[in-house]
Amino acid sequence: GFTYAWTVTTSVDGYTVRPQTASDVIGPR
């Protein structure tokens, strides 16, 4: 007979880095 409104807040932080490739070091052709 008793209902409780439970508010949930979820925060996620995703950190992504692209691996270095040969074209990053040498440069485009």
ModelCIF file with pLDDT and N, C-alpha, C, O atoms, coordinates in Angstrom:
data_MODEL
#
_entry.id   MODEL 
#
_entity.id                         1 
_entity.type                       polymer 
_entity.pdbx_number_of_molecules   1 
#
_entity_poly.entity_id                      1 
_entity_poly.type                           'polypeptide(L)' 
_entity_poly.nstd_linkage                   no 
_entity_poly.nstd_monomer                   no 
_entity_poly.pdbx_seq_one_letter_code       GFTYAWTVTTSVDGYTVRPQTASDVIGPR 
_entity_poly.pdbx_seq_one_letter_code_can   GFTYAWTVTTSVDGYTVRPQTASDVIGPR 
_entity_poly.pdbx_strand_id                 A 
#
loop_
_entity_poly_seq.entity_id 
_entity_poly_seq.num 
_entity_poly_seq.mon_id 
_entity_poly_seq.hetero 
1 1  GLY n 
1 2  PHE n 
1 3  THR n 
1 4  TYR n 
1 5  ALA n 
1 6  TRP n 
1 7  THR n 
1 8  VAL n 
1 9  THR n 
1 10 THR n 
1 11 SER n 
1 12 VAL n 
1 13 ASP n 
1 14 GLY n 
1 15 TYR n 
1 16 THR n 
1 17 VAL n 
1 18 ARG n 
1 19 PRO n 
1 20 GLN n 
1 21 THR n 
1 22 ALA n 
1 23 SER n 
1 24 ASP n 
1 25 VAL n 
1 26 ILE n 
1 27 GLY n 
1 28 PRO n 
1 29 ARG n 
#
_struct_asym.id          A 
_struct_asym.entity_id   1 
#
loop_
_ma_qa_metric.id 
_ma_qa_metric.mode 
_ma_qa_metric.name 
_ma_qa_metric.software_group_id 
_ma_qa_metric.type 
1 global pLDDT . pLDDT 
2 local  pLDDT . pLDDT 
#
_ma_qa_metric_global.metric_id      1 
_ma_qa_metric_global.metric_value   82.03 
_ma_qa_metric_global.model_id       1 
_ma_qa_metric_global.ordinal_id     1 
#
loop_
_ma_qa_metric_local.label_asym_id 
_ma_qa_metric_local.label_comp_id 
_ma_qa_metric_local.label_seq_id 
_ma_qa_metric_local.metric_id 
_ma_qa_metric_local.metric_value 
_ma_qa_metric_local.model_id 
_ma_qa_metric_local.ordinal_id 
A GLY 1  2 84.00 1 1  
A PHE 2  2 86.00 1 2  
A THR 3  2 89.00 1 3  
A TYR 4  2 89.00 1 4  
A ALA 5  2 92.00 1 5  
A TRP 6  2 91.00 1 6  
A THR 7  2 94.00 1 7  
A VAL 8  2 93.00 1 8  
A THR 9  2 94.00 1 9  
A THR 10 2 93.00 1 10 
A SER 11 2 93.00 1 11 
A VAL 12 2 93.00 1 12 
A ASP 13 2 89.00 1 13 
A GLY 14 2 84.00 1 14 
A TYR 15 2 80.00 1 15 
A THR 16 2 76.00 1 16 
A VAL 17 2 73.00 1 17 
A ARG 18 2 71.00 1 18 
A PRO 19 2 75.00 1 19 
A GLN 20 2 75.00 1 20 
A THR 21 2 79.00 1 21 
A ALA 22 2 76.00 1 22 
A SER 23 2 76.00 1 23 
A ASP 24 2 73.00 1 24 
A VAL 25 2 77.00 1 25 
A ILE 26 2 81.00 1 26 
A GLY 27 2 70.00 1 27 
A PRO 28 2 68.00 1 28 
A ARG 29 2 65.00 1 29 
#
loop_
_atom_site.group_PDB 
_atom_site.id 
_atom_site.type_symbol 
_atom_site.label_atom_id 
_atom_site.label_alt_id 
_atom_site.label_comp_id 
_atom_site.label_asym_id 
_atom_site.label_entity_id 
_atom_site.label_seq_id 
_atom_site.pdbx_PDB_ins_code 
_atom_site.Cartn_x 
_atom_site.Cartn_y 
_atom_site.Cartn_z 
_atom_site.occupancy 
_atom_site.B_iso_or_equiv 
_atom_site.pdbx_formal_charge 
_atom_site.auth_seq_id 
_atom_site.auth_comp_id 
_atom_site.auth_asym_id 
_atom_site.auth_atom_id 
_atom_site.pdbx_PDB_model_num 
ATOM 1   N N  . GLY A 1 1  ? 0.785  -1.227 0.000   1.00 84.00 ? 1  GLY A N  1 
ATOM 2   C CA . GLY A 1 1  ? 0.000  0.000  0.000   1.00 84.00 ? 1  GLY A CA 1 
ATOM 3   C C  . GLY A 1 1  ? 0.819  1.279  0.000   1.00 84.00 ? 1  GLY A C  1 
ATOM 4   O O  . GLY A 1 1  ? 0.242  2.366  -0.037  1.00 84.00 ? 1  GLY A O  1 
ATOM 5   N N  . PHE A 1 2  ? 2.151  1.189  0.040   1.00 86.00 ? 2  PHE A N  1 
ATOM 6   C CA . PHE A 1 2  ? 3.009  2.373  0.038   1.00 86.00 ? 2  PHE A CA 1 
ATOM 7   C C  . PHE A 1 2  ? 4.005  2.265  -1.109  1.00 86.00 ? 2  PHE A C  1 
ATOM 8   O O  . PHE A 1 2  ? 4.821  1.344  -1.153  1.00 86.00 ? 2  PHE A O  1 
ATOM 9   N N  . THR A 1 3  ? 3.928  3.223  -2.042  1.00 89.00 ? 3  THR A N  1 
ATOM 10  C CA . THR A 1 3  ? 4.815  3.238  -3.199  1.00 89.00 ? 3  THR A CA 1 
ATOM 11  C C  . THR A 1 3  ? 5.786  4.401  -3.078  1.00 89.00 ? 3  THR A C  1 
ATOM 12  O O  . THR A 1 3  ? 5.402  5.510  -2.707  1.00 89.00 ? 3  THR A O  1 
ATOM 13  N N  . TYR A 1 4  ? 7.053  4.134  -3.398  1.00 89.00 ? 4  TYR A N  1 
ATOM 14  C CA . TYR A 1 4  ? 8.098  5.146  -3.350  1.00 89.00 ? 4  TYR A CA 1 
ATOM 15  C C  . TYR A 1 4  ? 8.649  5.349  -4.753  1.00 89.00 ? 4  TYR A C  1 
ATOM 16  O O  . TYR A 1 4  ? 9.029  4.390  -5.425  1.00 89.00 ? 4  TYR A O  1 
ATOM 17  N N  . ALA A 1 5  ? 8.688  6.613  -5.194  1.00 92.00 ? 5  ALA A N  1 
ATOM 18  C CA . ALA A 1 5  ? 9.242  6.937  -6.509  1.00 92.00 ? 5  ALA A CA 1 
ATOM 19  C C  . ALA A 1 5  ? 10.756 7.107  -6.364  1.00 92.00 ? 5  ALA A C  1 
ATOM 20  O O  . ALA A 1 5  ? 11.231 8.100  -5.814  1.00 92.00 ? 5  ALA A O  1 
ATOM 21  N N  . TRP A 1 6  ? 11.497 6.130  -6.862  1.00 91.00 ? 6  TRP A N  1 
ATOM 22  C CA . TRP A 1 6  ? 12.958 6.117  -6.737  1.00 91.00 ? 6  TRP A CA 1 
ATOM 23  C C  . TRP A 1 6  ? 13.555 6.669  -8.024  1.00 91.00 ? 6  TRP A C  1 
ATOM 24  O O  . TRP A 1 6  ? 13.423 6.062  -9.087  1.00 91.00 ? 6  TRP A O  1 
ATOM 25  N N  . THR A 1 7  ? 14.212 7.821  -7.927  1.00 94.00 ? 7  THR A N  1 
ATOM 26  C CA . THR A 1 7  ? 14.851 8.436  -9.087  1.00 94.00 ? 7  THR A CA 1 
ATOM 27  C C  . THR A 1 7  ? 16.320 8.036  -9.115  1.00 94.00 ? 7  THR A C  1 
ATOM 28  O O  . THR A 1 7  ? 17.053 8.240  -8.147  1.00 94.00 ? 7  THR A O  1 
ATOM 29  N N  . VAL A 1 8  ? 16.734 7.468  -10.230 1.00 93.00 ? 8  VAL A N  1 
ATOM 30  C CA . VAL A 1 8  ? 18.108 6.995  -10.391 1.00 93.00 ? 8  VAL A CA 1 
ATOM 31  C C  . VAL A 1 8  ? 18.787 7.826  -11.476 1.00 93.00 ? 8  VAL A C  1 
ATOM 32  O O  . VAL A 1 8  ? 18.251 7.989  -12.572 1.00 93.00 ? 8  VAL A O  1 
ATOM 33  N N  . THR A 1 9  ? 19.963 8.344  -11.163 1.00 94.00 ? 9  THR A N  1 
ATOM 34  C CA . THR A 1 9  ? 20.769 9.069  -12.138 1.00 94.00 ? 9  THR A CA 1 
ATOM 35  C C  . THR A 1 9  ? 22.105 8.356  -12.271 1.00 94.00 ? 9  THR A C  1 
ATOM 36  O O  . THR A 1 9  ? 22.818 8.160  -11.287 1.00 94.00 ? 9  THR A O  1 
ATOM 37  N N  . THR A 1 10 ? 22.432 7.976  -13.482 1.00 93.00 ? 10 THR A N  1 
ATOM 38  C CA . THR A 1 10 ? 23.681 7.280  -13.761 1.00 93.00 ? 10 THR A CA 1 
ATOM 39  C C  . THR A 1 10 ? 24.507 8.141  -14.704 1.00 93.00 ? 10 THR A C  1 
ATOM 40  O O  . THR A 1 10 ? 24.010 8.600  -15.733 1.00 93.00 ? 10 THR A O  1 
ATOM 41  N N  . SER A 1 11 ? 25.762 8.356  -14.352 1.00 93.00 ? 11 SER A N  1 
ATOM 42  C CA . SER A 1 11 ? 26.674 9.117  -15.198 1.00 93.00 ? 11 SER A CA 1 
ATOM 43  C C  . SER A 1 11 ? 27.860 8.247  -15.565 1.00 93.00 ? 11 SER A C  1 
ATOM 44  O O  . SER A 1 11 ? 28.477 7.623  -14.701 1.00 93.00 ? 11 SER A O  1 
ATOM 45  N N  . VAL A 1 12 ? 28.175 8.210  -16.852 1.00 93.00 ? 12 VAL A N  1 
ATOM 46  C CA . VAL A 1 12 ? 29.271 7.384  -17.355 1.00 93.00 ? 12 VAL A CA 1 
ATOM 47  C C  . VAL A 1 12 ? 30.184 8.259  -18.200 1.00 93.00 ? 12 VAL A C  1 
ATOM 48  O O  . VAL A 1 12 ? 29.725 9.095  -18.979 1.00 93.00 ? 12 VAL A O  1 
ATOM 49  N N  . ASP A 1 13 ? 31.469 8.052  -18.032 1.00 89.00 ? 13 ASP A N  1 
ATOM 50  C CA . ASP A 1 13 ? 32.481 8.791  -18.788 1.00 89.00 ? 13 ASP A CA 1 
ATOM 51  C C  . ASP A 1 13 ? 33.306 7.775  -19.559 1.00 89.00 ? 13 ASP A C  1 
ATOM 52  O O  . ASP A 1 13 ? 33.976 6.929  -18.966 1.00 89.00 ? 13 ASP A O  1 
ATOM 53  N N  . GLY A 1 14 ? 33.255 7.859  -20.871 1.00 84.00 ? 14 GLY A N  1 
ATOM 54  C CA . GLY A 1 14 ? 34.040 6.953  -21.701 1.00 84.00 ? 14 GLY A CA 1 
ATOM 55  C C  . GLY A 1 14 ? 35.189 7.701  -22.345 1.00 84.00 ? 14 GLY A C  1 
ATOM 56  O O  . GLY A 1 14 ? 34.979 8.698  -23.036 1.00 84.00 ? 14 GLY A O  1 
ATOM 57  N N  . TYR A 1 15 ? 36.397 7.224  -22.123 1.00 80.00 ? 15 TYR A N  1 
ATOM 58  C CA . TYR A 1 15 ? 37.597 7.843  -22.689 1.00 80.00 ? 15 TYR A CA 1 
ATOM 59  C C  . TYR A 1 15 ? 38.136 6.922  -23.766 1.00 80.00 ? 15 TYR A C  1 
ATOM 60  O O  . TYR A 1 15 ? 38.443 5.759  -23.501 1.00 80.00 ? 15 TYR A O  1 
ATOM 61  N N  . THR A 1 16 ? 38.251 7.436  -24.969 1.00 76.00 ? 16 THR A N  1 
ATOM 62  C CA . THR A 1 16 ? 38.741 6.612  -26.067 1.00 76.00 ? 16 THR A CA 1 
ATOM 63  C C  . THR A 1 16 ? 39.880 7.321  -26.788 1.00 76.00 ? 16 THR A C  1 
ATOM 64  O O  . THR A 1 16 ? 39.842 8.532  -27.006 1.00 76.00 ? 16 THR A O  1 
ATOM 65  N N  . VAL A 1 17 ? 40.871 6.560  -27.145 1.00 73.00 ? 17 VAL A N  1 
ATOM 66  C CA . VAL A 1 17 ? 42.019 7.081  -27.880 1.00 73.00 ? 17 VAL A CA 1 
ATOM 67  C C  . VAL A 1 17 ? 42.245 6.175  -29.077 1.00 73.00 ? 17 VAL A C  1 
ATOM 68  O O  . VAL A 1 17 ? 42.255 4.951  -28.941 1.00 73.00 ? 17 VAL A O  1 
ATOM 69  N N  . ARG A 1 18 ? 42.424 6.760  -30.232 1.00 71.00 ? 18 ARG A N  1 
ATOM 70  C CA . ARG A 1 18 ? 42.709 5.999  -31.440 1.00 71.00 ? 18 ARG A CA 1 
ATOM 71  C C  . ARG A 1 18 ? 44.188 5.636  -31.435 1.00 71.00 ? 18 ARG A C  1 
ATOM 72  O O  . ARG A 1 18 ? 45.028 6.498  -31.179 1.00 71.00 ? 18 ARG A O  1 
ATOM 73  N N  . PRO A 1 19 ? 44.523 4.389  -31.712 1.00 75.00 ? 19 PRO A N  1 
ATOM 74  C CA . PRO A 1 19 ? 45.922 3.997  -31.758 1.00 75.00 ? 19 PRO A CA 1 
ATOM 75  C C  . PRO A 1 19 ? 46.670 4.769  -32.857 1.00 75.00 ? 19 PRO A C  1 
ATOM 76  O O  . PRO A 1 19 ? 46.100 5.115  -33.892 1.00 75.00 ? 19 PRO A O  1 
ATOM 77  N N  . GLN A 1 20 ? 47.920 5.019  -32.611 1.00 75.00 ? 20 GLN A N  1 
ATOM 78  C CA . GLN A 1 20 ? 48.740 5.724  -33.584 1.00 75.00 ? 20 GLN A CA 1 
ATOM 79  C C  . GLN A 1 20 ? 49.037 4.804  -34.766 1.00 75.00 ? 20 GLN A C  1 
ATOM 80  O O  . GLN A 1 20 ? 49.318 3.618  -34.591 1.00 75.00 ? 20 GLN A O  1 
ATOM 81  N N  . THR A 1 21 ? 48.970 5.364  -35.963 1.00 79.00 ? 21 THR A N  1 
ATOM 82  C CA . THR A 1 21 ? 49.244 4.589  -37.185 1.00 79.00 ? 21 THR A CA 1 
ATOM 83  C C  . THR A 1 21 ? 50.489 5.152  -37.856 1.00 79.00 ? 21 THR A C  1 
ATOM 84  O O  . THR A 1 21 ? 51.004 6.198  -37.461 1.00 79.00 ? 21 THR A O  1 
ATOM 85  N N  . ALA A 1 22 ? 50.956 4.454  -38.862 1.00 76.00 ? 22 ALA A N  1 
ATOM 86  C CA . ALA A 1 22 ? 52.140 4.900  -39.589 1.00 76.00 ? 22 ALA A CA 1 
ATOM 87  C C  . ALA A 1 22 ? 51.906 6.224  -40.283 1.00 76.00 ? 22 ALA A C  1 
ATOM 88  O O  . ALA A 1 22 ? 52.821 7.044  -40.360 1.00 76.00 ? 22 ALA A O  1 
ATOM 89  N N  . SER A 1 23 ? 50.701 6.459  -40.793 1.00 76.00 ? 23 SER A N  1 
ATOM 90  C CA . SER A 1 23 ? 50.417 7.719  -41.473 1.00 76.00 ? 23 SER A CA 1 
ATOM 91  C C  . SER A 1 23 ? 50.433 8.897  -40.504 1.00 76.00 ? 23 SER A C  1 
ATOM 92  O O  . SER A 1 23 ? 50.631 10.033 -40.935 1.00 76.00 ? 23 SER A O  1 
ATOM 93  N N  . ASP A 1 24 ? 50.230 8.662  -39.213 1.00 73.00 ? 24 ASP A N  1 
ATOM 94  C CA . ASP A 1 24 ? 50.334 9.726  -38.225 1.00 73.00 ? 24 ASP A CA 1 
ATOM 95  C C  . ASP A 1 24 ? 51.796 10.166 -38.063 1.00 73.00 ? 24 ASP A C  1 
ATOM 96  O O  . ASP A 1 24 ? 52.074 11.347 -37.853 1.00 73.00 ? 24 ASP A O  1 
ATOM 97  N N  . VAL A 1 25 ? 52.714 9.223  -38.161 1.00 77.00 ? 25 VAL A N  1 
ATOM 98  C CA . VAL A 1 25 ? 54.132 9.516  -37.963 1.00 77.00 ? 25 VAL A CA 1 
ATOM 99  C C  . VAL A 1 25 ? 54.765 10.028 -39.257 1.00 77.00 ? 25 VAL A C  1 
ATOM 100 O O  . VAL A 1 25 ? 55.467 11.039 -39.253 1.00 77.00 ? 25 VAL A O  1 
ATOM 101 N N  . ILE A 1 26 ? 54.516 9.329  -40.358 1.00 81.00 ? 26 ILE A N  1 
ATOM 102 C CA . ILE A 1 26 ? 55.149 9.665  -41.632 1.00 81.00 ? 26 ILE A CA 1 
ATOM 103 C C  . ILE A 1 26 ? 54.435 10.827 -42.313 1.00 81.00 ? 26 ILE A C  1 
ATOM 104 O O  . ILE A 1 26 ? 55.071 11.674 -42.940 1.00 81.00 ? 26 ILE A O  1 
ATOM 105 N N  . GLY A 1 27 ? 53.149 10.861 -42.192 1.00 70.00 ? 27 GLY A N  1 
ATOM 106 C CA . GLY A 1 27 ? 52.363 11.877 -42.870 1.00 70.00 ? 27 GLY A CA 1 
ATOM 107 C C  . GLY A 1 27 ? 51.685 11.284 -44.075 1.00 70.00 ? 27 GLY A C  1 
ATOM 108 O O  . GLY A 1 27 ? 52.052 10.196 -44.517 1.00 70.00 ? 27 GLY A O  1 
ATOM 109 N N  . PRO A 1 28 ? 50.702 11.975 -44.618 1.00 68.00 ? 28 PRO A N  1 
ATOM 110 C CA . PRO A 1 28 ? 49.992 11.443 -45.779 1.00 68.00 ? 28 PRO A CA 1 
ATOM 111 C C  . PRO A 1 28 ? 50.861 11.484 -47.026 1.00 68.00 ? 28 PRO A C  1 
ATOM 112 O O  . PRO A 1 28 ? 51.726 12.350 -47.153 1.00 68.00 ? 28 PRO A O  1 
ATOM 113 N N  . ARG A 1 29 ? 50.643 10.583 -47.914 1.00 65.00 ? 29 ARG A N  1 
ATOM 114 C CA . ARG A 1 29 ? 51.423 10.508 -49.154 1.00 65.00 ? 29 ARG A CA 1 
ATOM 115 C C  . ARG A 1 29 ? 50.849 11.335 -50.215 1.00 65.00 ? 29 ARG A C  1 
ATOM 116 O O  . ARG A 1 29 ? 51.388 11.380 -51.321 1.00 65.00 ? 29 ARG A O  1 
#
